[in-house]
Amino acid sequence: MRARTLSRYDLVECMELLPDWLALDAGLRQALPALWERLVESPAMVTGVNEDMALPAGRRIQSWGVTLILQPQWVERIQLETAPQPYLSRRLYAALAEGSLQPMSDREIGLANAGAGLTMMVLHHSIRPNSFGESYLGAVLNSANEAFRGHHGGYNLKAIYFETSAALAPGVAAAGFPPARYADDAPPLEHLPEPLRPVLFCMRREDALQQLPGTSARHVFEYQPPLFRFSASQRRLLWLSLFDDSDDYLMQALDVSVHGLKKLWRGIYERIEDVSPEFFGDTSASDDGKRGPEKRRQVLGYVRQRPEELRPWHEA
């Protein structure tokens, strides 16, 4: 099982995994493919898949997770911290589709990341039904936890809210998320079967930091400011390289030429040497044509350990 970031080539397969508990009407469901074409590269959408490379193409994606970084005004608008209503994810999808909710830009995320912190909302985590048994489901969930840590780590988080179905709630609880309550005046949901009944979880910074490390929910609240503060294009290159650092893949994903890709890597190396001249050791004075692959390995090893370098950061 392999965890990786979402690409637009996954969208057809992922649309099959939209969960029924979202209770999307026909119009909204029909609008989502085109919406996701616009959202797939948005920095406000934290999204990844888990795939089984042993299965045929078109059936490899076994789970899909989607998290939205929310503007403070939308946190207030949906009363997320005070009196949330059920079907938050559906409401946010509808607002994105109609345009009343615009995803945060790289700069907006960076300002909040360098300031008071970010609020995230997991819209859904979908698992493909299969008949492979409990051990296979365990492998999917293990890979999903790995993906969650990789995609959500490195941000300055205030809180992560997680809406899912009652059927999937045990897995969310096992990942360390405490249950949260909908508003007291929310419509009753007990009559719905578990696969169709939405439930809410929430981990807040103050609660996470009182716990010992161990769970995925606790893990992603570990944070320190970035040292190198790469540009958006440099961060995107580094992020994609964590999943496949071959030049052919990166040129296609970034829509750049061989020269453009080399220029991006060179800019990363120069930025690192400006801030930390000793970072590359003896390789710093060497020819990039010979030492470039070694530098790349060092940089990717570093950002795997320090994911905050991959996240937007803008000081006011």
C-alpha atoms as a PDB file:
ATOM      1  CA  MET A   1       0.000   0.000   0.000  1.00  0.00           C
ATOM      2  CA  ARG A   2       1.402   3.376  -1.012  1.00  0.00           C
ATOM      3  CA  ALA A   3       0.429   6.800   0.324  1.00  0.00           C
ATOM      4  CA  ARG A   4       0.835   9.801  -1.967  1.00  0.00           C
ATOM      5  CA  THR A   5      -0.620  13.176  -2.807  1.00  0.00           C
ATOM      6  CA  LEU A   6      -3.673  13.516  -5.068  1.00  0.00           C
ATOM      7  CA  SER A   7      -3.240  14.325  -8.761  1.00  0.00           C
ATOM      8  CA  ARG A   8      -5.858  15.387 -11.273  1.00  0.00           C
ATOM      9  CA  TYR A   9      -5.439  12.006 -12.974  1.00  0.00           C
ATOM     10  CA  ASP A  10      -6.970  10.408  -9.848  1.00  0.00           C
ATOM     11  CA  LEU A  11     -10.198  12.393  -9.911  1.00  0.00           C
ATOM     12  CA  VAL A  12     -12.362   9.988 -11.906  1.00  0.00           C
ATOM     13  CA  GLU A  13     -11.449   7.141  -9.578  1.00  0.00           C
ATOM     14  CA  CYS A  14     -11.846   9.301  -6.471  1.00  0.00           C
ATOM     15  CA  MET A  15     -15.335  10.451  -7.436  1.00  0.00           C
ATOM     16  CA  GLU A  16     -16.376   6.807  -7.021  1.00  0.00           C
ATOM     17  CA  LEU A  17     -15.278   7.022  -3.370  1.00  0.00           C
ATOM     18  CA  LEU A  18     -17.451   9.970  -2.332  1.00  0.00           C
ATOM     19  CA  PRO A  19     -19.199   8.648   0.803  1.00  0.00           C
ATOM     20  CA  ASP A  20     -22.970   8.298   0.996  1.00  0.00           C
ATOM     21  CA  TRP A  21     -23.153   9.955   4.441  1.00  0.00           C
ATOM     22  CA  LEU A  22     -22.366  13.314   2.788  1.00  0.00           C
ATOM     23  CA  ALA A  23     -25.969  13.174   1.521  1.00  0.00           C
ATOM     24  CA  LEU A  24     -25.136  15.208  -1.578  1.00  0.00           C
ATOM     25  CA  ASP A  25     -28.046  16.203  -3.764  1.00  0.00           C
ATOM     26  CA  ALA A  26     -27.884  15.368  -7.463  1.00  0.00           C
ATOM     27  CA  GLY A  27     -26.844  18.876  -8.501  1.00  0.00           C
ATOM     28  CA  LEU A  28     -23.958  19.116  -6.063  1.00  0.00           C
ATOM     29  CA  ARG A  29     -22.723  15.622  -6.863  1.00  0.00           C
ATOM     30  CA  GLN A  30     -22.761  16.489 -10.556  1.00  0.00           C
ATOM     31  CA  ALA A  31     -20.808  19.701  -9.883  1.00  0.00           C
ATOM     32  CA  LEU A  32     -17.999  18.062  -7.891  1.00  0.00           C
ATOM     33  CA  PRO A  33     -15.837  16.715 -10.760  1.00  0.00           C
ATOM     34  CA  ALA A  34     -15.491  20.193 -12.277  1.00  0.00           C
ATOM     35  CA  LEU A  35     -15.017  21.709  -8.820  1.00  0.00           C
ATOM     36  CA  TRP A  36     -12.202  19.294  -8.054  1.00  0.00           C
ATOM     37  CA  GLU A  37     -10.479  20.163 -11.333  1.00  0.00           C
ATOM     38  CA  ARG A  38     -10.146  23.664  -9.854  1.00  0.00           C
ATOM     39  CA  LEU A  39      -9.305  22.555  -6.317  1.00  0.00           C
ATOM     40  CA  VAL A  40      -6.769  19.799  -6.943  1.00  0.00           C
ATOM     41  CA  GLU A  41      -3.731  22.109  -6.798  1.00  0.00           C
ATOM     42  CA  SER A  42      -5.111  24.587  -4.253  1.00  0.00           C
ATOM     43  CA  PRO A  43      -2.842  24.946  -1.191  1.00  0.00           C
ATOM     44  CA  ALA A  44      -5.990  25.067   0.951  1.00  0.00           C
ATOM     45  CA  MET A  45      -6.947  21.499  -0.005  1.00  0.00           C
ATOM     46  CA  VAL A  46      -4.838  18.973   1.905  1.00  0.00           C
ATOM     47  CA  THR A  47      -5.626  15.754   0.100  1.00  0.00           C
ATOM     48  CA  GLY A  48      -4.024  12.397  -0.590  1.00  0.00           C
ATOM     49  CA  VAL A  49      -4.755   8.829  -1.605  1.00  0.00           C
ATOM     50  CA  ASN A  50      -3.649   5.342  -0.646  1.00  0.00           C
ATOM     51  CA  GLU A  51      -3.212   2.931  -3.515  1.00  0.00           C
ATOM     52  CA  ASP A  52      -2.523  -0.749  -3.957  1.00  0.00           C
ATOM     53  CA  MET A  53      -0.138  -1.101  -6.897  1.00  0.00           C
ATOM     54  CA  ALA A  54      -0.918  -4.831  -7.146  1.00  0.00           C
ATOM     55  CA  LEU A  55      -4.442  -4.083  -8.391  1.00  0.00           C
ATOM     56  CA  PRO A  56      -5.492  -3.147 -11.943  1.00  0.00           C
ATOM     57  CA  ALA A  57      -5.351   0.497 -13.039  1.00  0.00           C
ATOM     58  CA  GLY A  58      -8.618   2.236 -12.229  1.00  0.00           C
ATOM     59  CA  ARG A  59      -9.120   0.214  -9.034  1.00  0.00           C
ATOM     60  CA  ARG A  60      -5.889   0.919  -7.180  1.00  0.00           C
ATOM     61  CA  ILE A  61      -7.004   3.808  -4.967  1.00  0.00           C
ATOM     62  CA  GLN A  62      -8.270   2.267  -1.735  1.00  0.00           C
ATOM     63  CA  SER A  63      -8.831   5.428   0.293  1.00  0.00           C
ATOM     64  CA  TRP A  64      -9.047   9.169  -0.262  1.00  0.00           C
ATOM     65  CA  GLY A  65      -8.747  11.852   2.403  1.00  0.00           C
ATOM     66  CA  VAL A  66      -9.796  15.494   1.967  1.00  0.00           C
ATOM     67  CA  THR A  67      -9.056  18.343   4.385  1.00  0.00           C
ATOM     68  CA  LEU A  68      -9.920  22.017   3.879  1.00  0.00           C
ATOM     69  CA  ILE A  69      -7.957  24.815   5.567  1.00  0.00           C
ATOM     70  CA  LEU A  70     -10.675  27.199   6.733  1.00  0.00           C
ATOM     71  CA  GLN A  71     -10.657  30.993   6.896  1.00  0.00           C
ATOM     72  CA  PRO A  72     -11.445  32.356  10.391  1.00  0.00           C
ATOM     73  CA  GLN A  73     -14.624  33.982   9.075  1.00  0.00           C
ATOM     74  CA  TRP A  74     -15.905  30.621   7.863  1.00  0.00           C
ATOM     75  CA  VAL A  75     -15.077  29.011  11.186  1.00  0.00           C
ATOM     76  CA  GLU A  76     -17.420  31.604  12.682  1.00  0.00           C
ATOM     77  CA  ARG A  77     -19.997  31.405   9.892  1.00  0.00           C
ATOM     78  CA  ILE A  78     -20.608  27.674  10.366  1.00  0.00           C
ATOM     79  CA  GLN A  79     -20.287  28.023  14.161  1.00  0.00           C
ATOM     80  CA  LEU A  80     -17.619  25.350  14.122  1.00  0.00           C
ATOM     81  CA  GLU A  81     -16.293  26.181  17.587  1.00  0.00           C
ATOM     82  CA  THR A  82     -19.634  26.895  19.230  1.00  0.00           C
ATOM     83  CA  ALA A  83     -22.683  25.179  17.727  1.00  0.00           C
ATOM     84  CA  PRO A  84     -21.876  23.128  14.607  1.00  0.00           C
ATOM     85  CA  GLN A  85     -24.723  21.528  12.710  1.00  0.00           C
ATOM     86  CA  PRO A  86     -24.502  18.093  11.054  1.00  0.00           C
ATOM     87  CA  TYR A  87     -23.386  17.799   7.424  1.00  0.00           C
ATOM     88  CA  LEU A  88     -20.689  20.449   7.740  1.00  0.00           C
ATOM     89  CA  SER A  89     -18.778  18.834   4.893  1.00  0.00           C
ATOM     90  CA  ARG A  90     -21.757  19.013   2.547  1.00  0.00           C
ATOM     91  CA  ARG A  91     -22.302  22.659   3.426  1.00  0.00           C
ATOM     92  CA  LEU A  92     -18.664  23.510   2.718  1.00  0.00           C
ATOM     93  CA  TYR A  93     -18.688  21.618  -0.584  1.00  0.00           C
ATOM     94  CA  ALA A  94     -21.835  23.546  -1.578  1.00  0.00           C
ATOM     95  CA  ALA A  95     -20.215  26.872  -0.659  1.00  0.00           C
ATOM     96  CA  LEU A  96     -17.104  25.992  -2.690  1.00  0.00           C
ATOM     97  CA  ALA A  97     -19.244  24.980  -5.674  1.00  0.00           C
ATOM     98  CA  GLU A  98     -21.334  28.168  -5.647  1.00  0.00           C
ATOM     99  CA  GLY A  99     -18.303  30.376  -5.020  1.00  0.00           C
ATOM    100  CA  SER A 100     -19.305  31.918  -1.696  1.00  0.00           C
ATOM    101  CA  LEU A 101     -16.331  30.121  -0.142  1.00  0.00           C
ATOM    102  CA  GLN A 102     -13.021  30.811  -1.851  1.00  0.00           C
ATOM    103  CA  PRO A 103     -10.091  28.587  -0.817  1.00  0.00           C
ATOM    104  CA  MET A 104      -7.335  30.387   1.049  1.00  0.00           C
ATOM    105  CA  SER A 105      -4.347  31.453  -1.023  1.00  0.00           C
ATOM    106  CA  ASP A 106      -0.749  30.469  -0.317  1.00  0.00           C
ATOM    107  CA  ARG A 107      -0.147  33.915   1.189  1.00  0.00           C
ATOM    108  CA  GLU A 108      -3.275  33.810   3.378  1.00  0.00           C
ATOM    109  CA  ILE A 109      -2.302  30.377   4.684  1.00  0.00           C
ATOM    110  CA  GLY A 110       1.260  31.554   5.239  1.00  0.00           C
ATOM    111  CA  LEU A 111       0.194  34.613   7.232  1.00  0.00           C
ATOM    112  CA  ALA A 112      -2.029  32.507   9.496  1.00  0.00           C
ATOM    113  CA  ASN A 113       0.644  29.818   9.747  1.00  0.00           C
ATOM    114  CA  ALA A 114       3.161  32.421  10.925  1.00  0.00           C
ATOM    115  CA  GLY A 115       0.567  33.982  13.219  1.00  0.00           C
ATOM    116  CA  ALA A 116      -2.196  32.554  15.393  1.00  0.00           C
ATOM    117  CA  GLY A 117      -2.418  29.269  13.519  1.00  0.00           C
ATOM    118  CA  LEU A 118      -4.766  27.368  11.222  1.00  0.00           C
ATOM    119  CA  THR A 119      -8.075  25.543  11.593  1.00  0.00           C
ATOM    120  CA  MET A 120      -8.559  22.486   9.413  1.00  0.00           C
ATOM    121  CA  MET A 121     -11.717  20.575   8.579  1.00  0.00           C
ATOM    122  CA  VAL A 122     -11.484  16.979   7.364  1.00  0.00           C
ATOM    123  CA  LEU A 123     -14.386  16.861   4.907  1.00  0.00           C
ATOM    124  CA  HIS A 124     -14.230  13.092   4.503  1.00  0.00           C
ATOM    125  CA  HIS A 125     -11.985  10.063   4.471  1.00  0.00           C
ATOM    126  CA  SER A 126     -13.373   7.458   2.111  1.00  0.00           C
ATOM    127  CA  ILE A 127     -12.463   3.767   1.949  1.00  0.00           C
ATOM    128  CA  ARG A 128     -13.243   1.607  -1.079  1.00  0.00           C
ATOM    129  CA  PRO A 129     -15.460  -1.366  -0.161  1.00  0.00           C
ATOM    130  CA  ASN A 130     -13.664  -4.640  -0.773  1.00  0.00           C
ATOM    131  CA  SER A 131     -13.909  -8.319   0.053  1.00  0.00           C
ATOM    132  CA  PHE A 132     -10.241  -8.821   0.966  1.00  0.00           C
ATOM    133  CA  GLY A 133     -10.846  -9.263   4.693  1.00  0.00           C
ATOM    134  CA  GLU A 134      -9.851  -7.615   7.966  1.00  0.00           C
ATOM    135  CA  SER A 135      -6.095  -7.803   7.405  1.00  0.00           C
ATOM    136  CA  TYR A 136      -6.420  -5.867   4.141  1.00  0.00           C
ATOM    137  CA  LEU A 137      -8.563  -3.204   5.809  1.00  0.00           C
ATOM    138  CA  GLY A 138      -5.887  -2.916   8.480  1.00  0.00           C
ATOM    139  CA  ALA A 139      -3.274  -2.305   5.792  1.00  0.00           C
ATOM    140  CA  VAL A 140      -5.461   0.432   4.270  1.00  0.00           C
ATOM    141  CA  LEU A 141      -5.931   2.121   7.659  1.00  0.00           C
ATOM    142  CA  ASN A 142      -2.218   1.916   8.472  1.00  0.00           C
ATOM    143  CA  SER A 143      -1.392   3.536   5.150  1.00  0.00           C
ATOM    144  CA  ALA A 144      -4.097   6.155   5.727  1.00  0.00           C
ATOM    145  CA  ASN A 145      -2.572   7.083   9.092  1.00  0.00           C
ATOM    146  CA  GLU A 146       0.823   7.420   7.426  1.00  0.00           C
ATOM    147  CA  ALA A 147      -0.728   9.677   4.781  1.00  0.00           C
ATOM    148  CA  PHE A 148      -2.525  11.762   7.411  1.00  0.00           C
ATOM    149  CA  ARG A 149       0.708  12.451   9.274  1.00  0.00           C
ATOM    150  CA  GLY A 150       2.592  13.247   6.098  1.00  0.00           C
ATOM    151  CA  HIS A 151      -0.045  15.597   4.704  1.00  0.00           C
ATOM    152  CA  HIS A 152      -1.010  17.424   7.923  1.00  0.00           C
ATOM    153  CA  GLY A 153       2.335  17.643   9.693  1.00  0.00           C
ATOM    154  CA  GLY A 154       4.365  20.850   9.677  1.00  0.00           C
ATOM    155  CA  TYR A 155       1.491  23.314  10.031  1.00  0.00           C
ATOM    156  CA  ASN A 156       0.921  25.634  12.992  1.00  0.00           C
ATOM    157  CA  LEU A 157      -2.450  24.167  13.926  1.00  0.00           C
ATOM    158  CA  LYS A 158      -5.119  25.573  16.217  1.00  0.00           C
ATOM    159  CA  ALA A 159      -7.569  22.709  15.678  1.00  0.00           C
ATOM    160  CA  ILE A 160      -8.535  19.900  13.324  1.00  0.00           C
ATOM    161  CA  TYR A 161     -12.214  18.989  12.996  1.00  0.00           C
ATOM    162  CA  PHE A 162     -13.081  15.651  11.406  1.00  0.00           C
ATOM    163  CA  GLU A 163     -16.552  14.751  10.098  1.00  0.00           C
ATOM    164  CA  THR A 164     -17.147  11.143   9.140  1.00  0.00           C
ATOM    165  CA  SER A 165     -19.771   8.424   9.437  1.00  0.00           C
ATOM    166  CA  ALA A 166     -20.608   6.519  12.587  1.00  0.00           C
ATOM    167  CA  ALA A 167     -19.449   3.375  10.780  1.00  0.00           C
ATOM    168  CA  LEU A 168     -15.925   4.802  10.369  1.00  0.00           C
ATOM    169  CA  ALA A 169     -15.838   6.536  13.748  1.00  0.00           C
ATOM    170  CA  PRO A 170     -13.838   3.774  15.524  1.00  0.00           C
ATOM    171  CA  GLY A 171     -10.938   4.312  13.122  1.00  0.00           C
ATOM    172  CA  VAL A 172     -10.957   8.067  13.721  1.00  0.00           C
ATOM    173  CA  ALA A 173     -11.051   7.542  17.479  1.00  0.00           C
ATOM    174  CA  ALA A 174      -8.153   5.071  17.217  1.00  0.00           C
ATOM    175  CA  ALA A 175      -6.154   7.773  15.415  1.00  0.00           C
ATOM    176  CA  GLY A 176      -6.496   9.886  18.568  1.00  0.00           C
ATOM    177  CA  PHE A 177      -9.371  12.246  17.789  1.00  0.00           C
ATOM    178  CA  PRO A 178     -11.736  13.024  20.689  1.00  0.00           C
ATOM    179  CA  PRO A 179     -15.461  13.046  19.865  1.00  0.00           C
ATOM    180  CA  ALA A 180     -17.179  16.403  19.512  1.00  0.00           C
ATOM    181  CA  ARG A 181     -20.863  17.304  19.718  1.00  0.00           C
ATOM    182  CA  TYR A 182     -23.141  18.927  17.233  1.00  0.00           C
ATOM    183  CA  ALA A 183     -25.286  21.822  18.437  1.00  0.00           C
ATOM    184  CA  ASP A 184     -28.013  21.054  20.968  1.00  0.00           C
ATOM    185  CA  ASP A 185     -30.659  22.120  18.459  1.00  0.00           C
ATOM    186  CA  ALA A 186     -29.286  19.872  15.704  1.00  0.00           C
ATOM    187  CA  PRO A 187     -31.825  17.535  14.079  1.00  0.00           C
ATOM    188  CA  PRO A 188     -31.856  13.997  15.504  1.00  0.00           C
ATOM    189  CA  LEU A 189     -29.657  11.512  13.678  1.00  0.00           C
ATOM    190  CA  GLU A 190     -30.080   8.346  15.737  1.00  0.00           C
ATOM    191  CA  HIS A 191     -32.574   6.865  13.273  1.00  0.00           C
ATOM    192  CA  LEU A 192     -29.969   6.785  10.499  1.00  0.00           C
ATOM    193  CA  PRO A 193     -27.925   3.609   9.954  1.00  0.00           C
ATOM    194  CA  GLU A 194     -24.264   3.987  10.919  1.00  0.00           C
ATOM    195  CA  PRO A 195     -22.922   4.261   7.341  1.00  0.00           C
ATOM    196  CA  LEU A 196     -25.254   7.237   6.738  1.00  0.00           C
ATOM    197  CA  ARG A 197     -25.031   8.950  10.141  1.00  0.00           C
ATOM    198  CA  PRO A 198     -22.532  11.837  10.349  1.00  0.00           C
ATOM    199  CA  VAL A 199     -20.455  12.250  13.506  1.00  0.00           C
ATOM    200  CA  LEU A 200     -17.908  14.897  14.470  1.00  0.00           C
ATOM    201  CA  PHE A 201     -14.484  14.747  16.103  1.00  0.00           C
ATOM    202  CA  CYS A 202     -12.085  17.520  17.084  1.00  0.00           C
ATOM    203  CA  MET A 203      -8.520  17.822  18.332  1.00  0.00           C
ATOM    204  CA  ARG A 204      -7.486  21.257  19.619  1.00  0.00           C
ATOM    205  CA  ARG A 205      -3.934  22.423  20.143  1.00  0.00           C
ATOM    206  CA  GLU A 206      -4.267  22.805  23.898  1.00  0.00           C
ATOM    207  CA  ASP A 207      -5.654  19.275  24.236  1.00  0.00           C
ATOM    208  CA  ALA A 208      -3.071  17.726  21.910  1.00  0.00           C
ATOM    209  CA  LEU A 209      -0.113  19.235  23.722  1.00  0.00           C
ATOM    210  CA  GLN A 210      -1.307  17.817  27.046  1.00  0.00           C
ATOM    211  CA  GLN A 211      -1.036  14.283  25.633  1.00  0.00           C
ATOM    212  CA  LEU A 212       2.001  12.099  25.209  1.00  0.00           C
ATOM    213  CA  PRO A 213       3.055  11.655  21.552  1.00  0.00           C
ATOM    214  CA  GLY A 214       1.850   8.518  19.845  1.00  0.00           C
ATOM    215  CA  THR A 215      -1.372   8.965  17.896  1.00  0.00           C
ATOM    216  CA  SER A 216      -1.694  10.537  14.472  1.00  0.00           C
ATOM    217  CA  ALA A 217      -3.945  13.297  15.820  1.00  0.00           C
ATOM    218  CA  ARG A 218      -1.359  14.231  18.455  1.00  0.00           C
ATOM    219  CA  HIS A 219       1.580  13.910  16.062  1.00  0.00           C
ATOM    220  CA  VAL A 220       0.516  16.645  13.643  1.00  0.00           C
ATOM    221  CA  PHE A 221       0.465  19.300  16.367  1.00  0.00           C
ATOM    222  CA  GLU A 222       4.257  19.103  16.683  1.00  0.00           C
ATOM    223  CA  TYR A 223       5.472  22.331  15.141  1.00  0.00           C
ATOM    224  CA  GLN A 224       8.396  24.710  14.793  1.00  0.00           C
ATOM    225  CA  PRO A 225       8.920  27.618  12.388  1.00  0.00           C
ATOM    226  CA  PRO A 226      10.700  26.839   9.104  1.00  0.00           C
ATOM    227  CA  LEU A 227      14.360  27.684   8.738  1.00  0.00           C
ATOM    228  CA  PHE A 228      14.680  28.170   4.982  1.00  0.00           C
ATOM    229  CA  ARG A 229      11.276  29.593   4.037  1.00  0.00           C
ATOM    230  CA  PHE A 230      11.246  28.426   0.440  1.00  0.00           C
ATOM    231  CA  SER A 231       9.103  30.026  -2.261  1.00  0.00           C
ATOM    232  CA  ALA A 232       5.774  28.473  -3.242  1.00  0.00           C
ATOM    233  CA  SER A 233       7.229  26.904  -6.403  1.00  0.00           C
ATOM    234  CA  GLN A 234      10.193  25.506  -4.471  1.00  0.00           C
ATOM    235  CA  ARG A 235       7.913  24.060  -1.808  1.00  0.00           C
ATOM    236  CA  ARG A 236       5.728  22.411  -4.427  1.00  0.00           C
ATOM    237  CA  LEU A 237       8.767  20.806  -6.059  1.00  0.00           C
ATOM    238  CA  LEU A 238       9.982  19.477  -2.716  1.00  0.00           C
ATOM    239  CA  TRP A 239       6.518  18.188  -1.766  1.00  0.00           C
ATOM    240  CA  LEU A 240       6.010  16.307  -5.022  1.00  0.00           C
ATOM    241  CA  SER A 241       9.545  14.935  -4.844  1.00  0.00           C
ATOM    242  CA  LEU A 242       8.722  13.147  -1.597  1.00  0.00           C
ATOM    243  CA  PHE A 243       6.480  10.830  -3.620  1.00  0.00           C
ATOM    244  CA  ASP A 244       8.488  10.595  -6.856  1.00  0.00           C
ATOM    245  CA  ASP A 245      11.685  12.560  -7.466  1.00  0.00           C
ATOM    246  CA  SER A 246      12.255  11.416 -11.037  1.00  0.00           C
ATOM    247  CA  ASP A 247      12.804  14.276 -13.463  1.00  0.00           C
ATOM    248  CA  ASP A 248      10.202  12.977 -15.942  1.00  0.00           C
ATOM    249  CA  TYR A 249       7.465  12.955 -13.300  1.00  0.00           C
ATOM    250  CA  LEU A 250       8.406  16.350 -11.869  1.00  0.00           C
ATOM    251  CA  MET A 251       8.576  18.047 -15.262  1.00  0.00           C
ATOM    252  CA  GLN A 252       5.088  16.769 -16.095  1.00  0.00           C
ATOM    253  CA  ALA A 253       3.601  17.594 -12.672  1.00  0.00           C
ATOM    254  CA  LEU A 254       5.100  21.088 -12.591  1.00  0.00           C
ATOM    255  CA  ASP A 255       4.756  21.755 -16.345  1.00  0.00           C
ATOM    256  CA  VAL A 256       8.391  22.840 -16.634  1.00  0.00           C
ATOM    257  CA  SER A 257      11.251  22.012 -19.003  1.00  0.00           C
ATOM    258  CA  VAL A 258      14.466  20.247 -18.050  1.00  0.00           C
ATOM    259  CA  HIS A 259      16.082  23.676 -17.760  1.00  0.00           C
ATOM    260  CA  GLY A 260      13.212  24.973 -15.607  1.00  0.00           C
ATOM    261  CA  LEU A 261      13.478  21.994 -13.272  1.00  0.00           C
ATOM    262  CA  LYS A 262      17.231  22.414 -12.888  1.00  0.00           C
ATOM    263  CA  LYS A 263      16.681  26.099 -12.153  1.00  0.00           C
ATOM    264  CA  LEU A 264      14.213  25.246  -9.380  1.00  0.00           C
ATOM    265  CA  TRP A 265      16.620  22.772  -7.759  1.00  0.00           C
ATOM    266  CA  ARG A 266      19.462  25.257  -8.068  1.00  0.00           C
ATOM    267  CA  GLY A 267      17.361  27.912  -6.358  1.00  0.00           C
ATOM    268  CA  ILE A 268      16.653  25.526  -3.483  1.00  0.00           C
ATOM    269  CA  TYR A 269      20.340  24.697  -3.045  1.00  0.00           C
ATOM    270  CA  GLU A 270      21.306  28.375  -3.150  1.00  0.00           C
ATOM    271  CA  ARG A 271      18.645  29.291  -0.603  1.00  0.00           C
ATOM    272  CA  ILE A 272      19.888  26.591   1.765  1.00  0.00           C
ATOM    273  CA  GLU A 273      23.526  27.652   1.366  1.00  0.00           C
ATOM    274  CA  ASP A 274      22.593  31.293   2.007  1.00  0.00           C
ATOM    275  CA  VAL A 275      20.904  30.419   5.285  1.00  0.00           C
ATOM    276  CA  SER A 276      23.046  27.467   6.368  1.00  0.00           C
ATOM    277  CA  PRO A 277      26.413  27.418   4.523  1.00  0.00           C
ATOM    278  CA  GLU A 278      27.502  24.207   6.268  1.00  0.00           C
ATOM    279  CA  PHE A 279      24.378  22.226   5.281  1.00  0.00           C
ATOM    280  CA  PHE A 280      25.927  20.346   2.335  1.00  0.00           C
ATOM    281  CA  GLY A 281      29.380  19.943   3.834  1.00  0.00           C
ATOM    282  CA  ASP A 282      32.021  19.160   1.213  1.00  0.00           C
ATOM    283  CA  THR A 283      29.411  18.997  -1.578  1.00  0.00           C
ATOM    284  CA  SER A 284      28.661  22.732  -1.363  1.00  0.00           C
ATOM    285  CA  ALA A 285      31.617  23.712  -3.506  1.00  0.00           C
ATOM    286  CA  SER A 286      31.240  20.835  -5.947  1.00  0.00           C
ATOM    287  CA  ASP A 287      29.833  20.880  -9.443  1.00  0.00           C
ATOM    288  CA  ASP A 288      26.020  20.454  -9.415  1.00  0.00           C
ATOM    289  CA  GLY A 289      26.233  18.163 -12.434  1.00  0.00           C
ATOM    290  CA  LYS A 290      28.140  15.647 -10.342  1.00  0.00           C
ATOM    291  CA  ARG A 291      26.866  16.408  -6.849  1.00  0.00           C
ATOM    292  CA  GLY A 292      23.281  17.403  -7.658  1.00  0.00           C
ATOM    293  CA  PRO A 293      21.753  13.967  -6.921  1.00  0.00           C
ATOM    294  CA  GLU A 294      23.551  13.839  -3.562  1.00  0.00           C
ATOM    295  CA  LYS A 295      22.334  17.324  -2.690  1.00  0.00           C
ATOM    296  CA  ARG A 296      18.824  16.317  -3.665  1.00  0.00           C
ATOM    297  CA  ARG A 297      18.950  13.290  -1.355  1.00  0.00           C
ATOM    298  CA  GLN A 298      20.146  15.460   1.526  1.00  0.00           C
ATOM    299  CA  VAL A 299      17.417  18.050   0.977  1.00  0.00           C
ATOM    300  CA  LEU A 300      14.614  15.486   0.678  1.00  0.00           C
ATOM    301  CA  GLY A 301      15.837  13.671   3.788  1.00  0.00           C
ATOM    302  CA  TYR A 302      15.787  16.972   5.656  1.00  0.00           C
ATOM    303  CA  VAL A 303      12.276  18.057   4.613  1.00  0.00           C
ATOM    304  CA  ARG A 304      10.889  14.602   5.476  1.00  0.00           C
ATOM    305  CA  GLN A 305      12.171  15.258   8.985  1.00  0.00           C
ATOM    306  CA  ARG A 306      11.141  18.924   9.013  1.00  0.00           C
ATOM    307  CA  PRO A 307       7.788  19.166   7.167  1.00  0.00           C
ATOM    308  CA  GLU A 308       7.293  22.792   8.216  1.00  0.00           C
ATOM    309  CA  GLU A 309       9.696  23.652   5.362  1.00  0.00           C
ATOM    310  CA  LEU A 310       7.009  22.417   2.952  1.00  0.00           C
ATOM    311  CA  ARG A 311       4.243  24.696   4.285  1.00  0.00           C
ATOM    312  CA  PRO A 312       3.397  28.325   3.442  1.00  0.00           C
ATOM    313  CA  TRP A 313       4.962  30.886   5.761  1.00  0.00           C
ATOM    314  CA  HIS A 314       4.588  34.648   5.336  1.00  0.00           C
ATOM    315  CA  GLU A 315       5.352  37.166   8.057  1.00  0.00           C
ATOM    316  CA  ALA A 316       3.079  40.205   8.142  1.00  0.00           C
END
